[in-house]
Amino acid sequence: MKKKTYVLAAVLAALSLSACAPASESGEQATADMEESAQQDTTEAPETEEDTQDSEEAGSSQAEASDEKLNEIYAAVREAYGERYIPSMELDSEMLENIYGISRDWYEACIAEGPMISAHVETFMGFKAVSGHEEDIAAALYDYRDQQLTDGMQYPMNLPKLEASQVLEEDGYVFFVMLGSADTEAEEQGEEAALESAKANNQIGVDVIEGFFAE
């Protein structure tokens, strides 16, 4: 009887060892797989000089149109204002139509920028108009300007900028220039002085644009 008991115990022990062995091997394999996966996840491709250069160029890029003259005018306006050029957010065709009422069918090329911060209103727009639509673009810009002056909720500091803004039509091109931030000293002297300062500063951009079309 004891002999049978020992034999049965030996068989059970063998079965127990046999059953545990695959589980142990499976656990070791799973652990190895997890370690390999973690190593792959934490391994990153080294950043190349080309990647760094592309990133820097993307961060410093400026608006660009398909019309060379428009690009030249835009660059000259930015240069004229230097650090005082406020617009930094590109306005796409959907925004131009929904906010300003300017149809994409009215222009061949454009550069349009507005302020990144809602407290500002500084805006530059330049359009190479489709023939026959110059007046359509200009009318939409005038309507927008008038609406902002009469119905728009504006910070007091922005009213002189709006009043000083201008719409220009030049040989197939249409521009909206609202870049006339009043000087601090003028603002301290009152509304009239602030408006005159805003007009003078806005005229900087207007003069640059008109210089490209002077005969």
Protein backbone atom coordinates (compact mmCIF):
# COMPACT_ATOMS: atom_id res chain seq x y z
CA MET A 1 0.00 0.00 0.00
CA LYS A 2 2.82 2.35 0.87
CA LYS A 3 4.54 1.47 -2.39
CA LYS A 4 1.44 2.40 -4.35
CA THR A 5 1.19 5.65 -2.43
CA TYR A 6 4.80 6.54 -3.25
CA VAL A 7 4.25 5.74 -6.93
CA LEU A 8 1.12 7.90 -7.03
CA ALA A 9 2.94 10.76 -5.32
CA ALA A 10 5.79 10.51 -7.81
CA VAL A 11 3.37 10.61 -10.73
CA LEU A 12 1.58 13.67 -9.31
CA ALA A 13 4.88 15.43 -8.71
CA ALA A 14 5.96 14.75 -12.29
CA LEU A 15 2.67 16.08 -13.61
CA SER A 16 3.01 19.15 -11.42
CA LEU A 17 6.49 19.88 -12.71
CA SER A 18 5.35 19.26 -16.27
CA ALA A 19 2.45 21.71 -15.87
CA CYS A 20 4.58 24.50 -14.35
CA ALA A 21 7.43 24.32 -16.81
CA PRO A 22 5.55 25.81 -19.80
CA ALA A 23 4.10 28.55 -17.59
CA SER A 24 7.58 29.54 -16.43
CA GLU A 25 8.96 29.52 -19.95
CA SER A 26 5.95 31.52 -21.15
CA GLY A 27 6.49 34.08 -18.40
CA GLU A 28 10.15 34.42 -19.26
CA GLN A 29 9.28 34.87 -22.94
CA ALA A 30 6.61 37.47 -22.10
CA THR A 31 9.08 39.37 -19.94
CA ALA A 32 11.66 39.31 -22.72
CA ASP A 33 9.07 40.52 -25.23
CA MET A 34 8.04 43.39 -22.95
CA GLU A 35 11.65 44.44 -22.42
CA GLU A 36 12.30 44.35 -26.17
CA SER A 37 9.13 46.36 -26.86
CA ALA A 38 10.06 48.95 -24.23
CA GLN A 39 13.52 49.24 -25.69
CA GLN A 40 12.07 49.81 -29.17
CA ASP A 41 9.60 52.41 -27.88
CA THR A 42 12.29 54.42 -26.10
CA THR A 43 14.69 54.29 -29.02
CA GLU A 44 14.40 57.44 -31.16
CA ALA A 45 16.03 58.21 -34.45
CA PRO A 46 18.76 60.80 -33.99
CA GLU A 47 17.81 64.30 -35.17
CA THR A 48 19.71 65.23 -38.28
CA GLU A 49 21.04 68.64 -39.17
CA GLU A 50 18.51 68.77 -42.02
CA ASP A 51 15.61 68.16 -39.60
CA THR A 52 16.82 70.97 -37.34
CA GLN A 53 17.17 73.34 -40.27
CA ASP A 54 13.68 72.52 -41.55
CA SER A 55 12.23 73.17 -38.09
CA GLU A 56 13.97 76.54 -37.80
CA GLU A 57 12.84 77.58 -41.26
CA ALA A 58 9.24 76.65 -40.48
CA GLY A 59 9.31 78.75 -37.33
CA SER A 60 10.69 81.82 -39.10
CA SER A 61 8.63 81.60 -42.28
CA GLN A 62 6.62 84.57 -43.52
CA ALA A 63 3.54 84.78 -45.68
CA GLU A 64 4.15 84.29 -49.37
CA ALA A 65 1.96 84.69 -52.44
CA SER A 66 2.23 83.33 -55.96
CA ASP A 67 2.57 86.91 -57.25
CA GLU A 68 6.15 88.20 -57.09
CA LYS A 69 5.23 91.87 -56.93
CA LEU A 70 2.89 91.22 -54.03
CA ASN A 71 5.70 89.43 -52.20
CA GLU A 72 8.03 92.37 -52.76
CA ILE A 73 5.48 94.87 -51.47
CA TYR A 74 4.76 92.77 -48.41
CA ALA A 75 8.45 92.40 -47.59
CA ALA A 76 9.01 96.14 -48.01
CA VAL A 77 6.11 96.99 -45.70
CA ARG A 78 7.41 94.64 -43.01
CA GLU A 79 10.87 96.12 -43.32
CA ALA A 80 9.53 99.67 -43.05
CA TYR A 81 7.86 98.93 -39.72
CA GLY A 82 10.48 96.57 -38.32
CA GLU A 83 9.55 95.40 -34.83
CA ARG A 84 6.43 97.56 -34.92
CA TYR A 85 4.85 95.30 -37.52
CA ILE A 86 2.19 93.57 -35.41
CA PRO A 87 0.26 91.18 -37.72
CA SER A 88 1.51 87.62 -37.28
CA MET A 89 -1.43 85.33 -38.09
CA GLU A 90 -2.12 84.40 -41.69
CA LEU A 91 -5.73 84.85 -42.79
CA ASP A 92 -6.79 82.03 -45.10
CA SER A 93 -9.38 82.16 -47.88
CA GLU A 94 -12.15 80.87 -45.62
CA MET A 95 -11.54 83.61 -43.06
CA LEU A 96 -11.35 86.24 -45.79
CA GLU A 97 -14.77 85.20 -47.08
CA ASN A 98 -16.53 84.64 -43.75
CA ILE A 99 -15.17 87.67 -41.91
CA TYR A 100 -14.40 90.19 -44.62
CA GLY A 101 -16.80 89.10 -47.36
CA ILE A 102 -14.06 88.60 -49.96
CA SER A 103 -14.77 85.72 -52.33
CA ARG A 104 -11.91 83.45 -53.38
CA ASP A 105 -13.03 83.96 -56.98
CA TRP A 106 -12.12 87.65 -56.81
CA TYR A 107 -8.35 87.36 -56.54
CA GLU A 108 -5.49 85.46 -58.13
CA ALA A 109 -3.11 85.81 -55.19
CA CYS A 110 -3.12 87.42 -51.78
CA ILE A 111 -1.16 88.00 -48.62
CA ALA A 112 -3.35 88.70 -45.60
CA GLU A 113 -2.24 88.88 -41.99
CA GLY A 114 -3.99 89.87 -38.80
CA PRO A 115 -3.05 90.04 -35.12
CA MET A 116 -2.43 86.90 -33.11
CA ILE A 117 -3.90 88.57 -30.00
CA SER A 118 -7.51 89.77 -30.07
CA ALA A 119 -6.64 92.95 -28.18
CA HIS A 120 -4.90 94.20 -31.34
CA VAL A 121 -6.43 95.07 -34.71
CA GLU A 122 -3.34 95.67 -36.87
CA THR A 123 -3.93 94.10 -40.28
CA PHE A 124 -2.25 93.98 -43.67
CA MET A 125 -3.93 92.64 -46.80
CA GLY A 126 -2.74 92.66 -50.37
CA PHE A 127 -4.62 91.17 -53.31
CA LYS A 128 -3.78 90.62 -56.96
CA ALA A 129 -7.35 90.92 -58.18
CA VAL A 130 -8.97 88.93 -60.93
CA SER A 131 -9.72 91.38 -63.73
CA GLY A 132 -13.01 93.13 -63.05
CA HIS A 133 -13.10 92.34 -59.33
CA GLU A 134 -10.90 95.13 -57.97
CA GLU A 135 -13.92 97.14 -56.90
CA ASP A 136 -15.57 94.10 -55.33
CA ILE A 137 -12.59 93.56 -53.05
CA ALA A 138 -12.30 97.25 -52.23
CA ALA A 139 -16.02 97.52 -51.44
CA ALA A 140 -15.85 94.52 -49.09
CA LEU A 141 -12.89 96.07 -47.27
CA TYR A 142 -14.64 99.44 -46.94
CA ASP A 143 -17.73 97.69 -45.58
CA TYR A 144 -15.64 95.82 -43.03
CA ARG A 145 -13.87 99.01 -41.96
CA ASP A 146 -17.13 100.93 -41.58
CA GLN A 147 -18.74 98.09 -39.66
CA GLN A 148 -15.86 97.96 -37.19
CA LEU A 149 -16.02 101.71 -36.66
CA THR A 150 -19.78 101.87 -36.13
CA ASP A 151 -20.82 98.53 -34.65
CA GLY A 152 -17.67 96.78 -33.51
CA MET A 153 -16.74 96.52 -29.85
CA GLN A 154 -13.27 98.01 -29.75
CA TYR A 155 -10.70 98.86 -27.13
CA PRO A 156 -10.23 102.66 -26.98
CA MET A 157 -6.59 102.29 -28.07
CA ASN A 158 -7.73 100.63 -31.31
CA LEU A 159 -10.14 103.32 -32.50
CA PRO A 160 -7.37 105.57 -33.90
CA LYS A 161 -5.93 102.58 -35.78
CA LEU A 162 -9.30 101.88 -37.40
CA GLU A 163 -9.89 105.52 -38.29
CA ALA A 164 -6.39 105.79 -39.77
CA SER A 165 -6.73 102.61 -41.86
CA GLN A 166 -6.87 102.90 -45.65
CA VAL A 167 -8.03 100.88 -48.64
CA LEU A 168 -5.84 101.29 -51.73
CA GLU A 169 -6.54 100.34 -55.35
CA GLU A 170 -3.39 100.25 -57.47
CA ASP A 171 -3.25 98.92 -61.06
CA GLY A 172 -5.06 95.64 -60.48
CA TYR A 173 -4.01 95.31 -56.83
CA VAL A 174 -6.06 96.10 -53.74
CA PHE A 175 -4.63 96.69 -50.26
CA PHE A 176 -5.96 97.17 -46.77
CA VAL A 177 -3.50 98.88 -44.44
CA MET A 178 -4.28 99.11 -40.74
CA LEU A 179 -0.84 99.43 -39.22
CA GLY A 180 -1.06 102.83 -37.53
CA SER A 181 -0.39 102.29 -33.86
CA ALA A 182 -0.30 105.65 -32.11
CA ASP A 183 2.88 106.57 -30.26
CA THR A 184 2.66 106.39 -26.47
CA GLU A 185 3.44 110.08 -26.07
CA ALA A 186 0.62 110.98 -28.47
CA GLU A 187 -1.85 108.74 -26.63
CA GLU A 188 -1.04 110.55 -23.40
CA GLN A 189 -1.92 113.86 -25.07
CA GLY A 190 -5.47 112.81 -25.90
CA GLU A 191 -7.65 111.41 -28.67
CA GLU A 192 -6.82 114.01 -31.31
CA ALA A 193 -3.07 113.60 -30.91
CA ALA A 194 -3.44 109.81 -30.89
CA LEU A 195 -5.39 109.91 -34.16
CA GLU A 196 -2.81 112.12 -35.86
CA SER A 197 -0.03 109.80 -34.70
CA ALA A 198 -1.94 106.75 -35.94
CA LYS A 199 -2.47 108.37 -39.34
CA ALA A 200 1.21 109.24 -39.63
CA ASN A 201 2.29 105.73 -38.71
CA ASN A 202 -0.24 104.12 -41.05
CA GLN A 203 0.98 106.36 -43.86
CA ILE A 204 4.36 104.63 -43.65
CA GLY A 205 2.85 101.48 -45.13
CA VAL A 206 0.73 103.42 -47.61
CA ASP A 207 3.78 105.28 -48.94
CA VAL A 208 5.68 102.01 -49.38
CA ILE A 209 2.85 100.50 -51.41
CA GLU A 210 2.31 103.58 -53.56
CA GLY A 211 6.03 103.70 -54.27
CA PHE A 212 5.76 100.43 -56.19
CA PHE A 213 3.20 101.95 -58.56
CA ALA A 214 4.70 105.40 -59.01
CA GLU A 215 5.30 106.30 -62.64
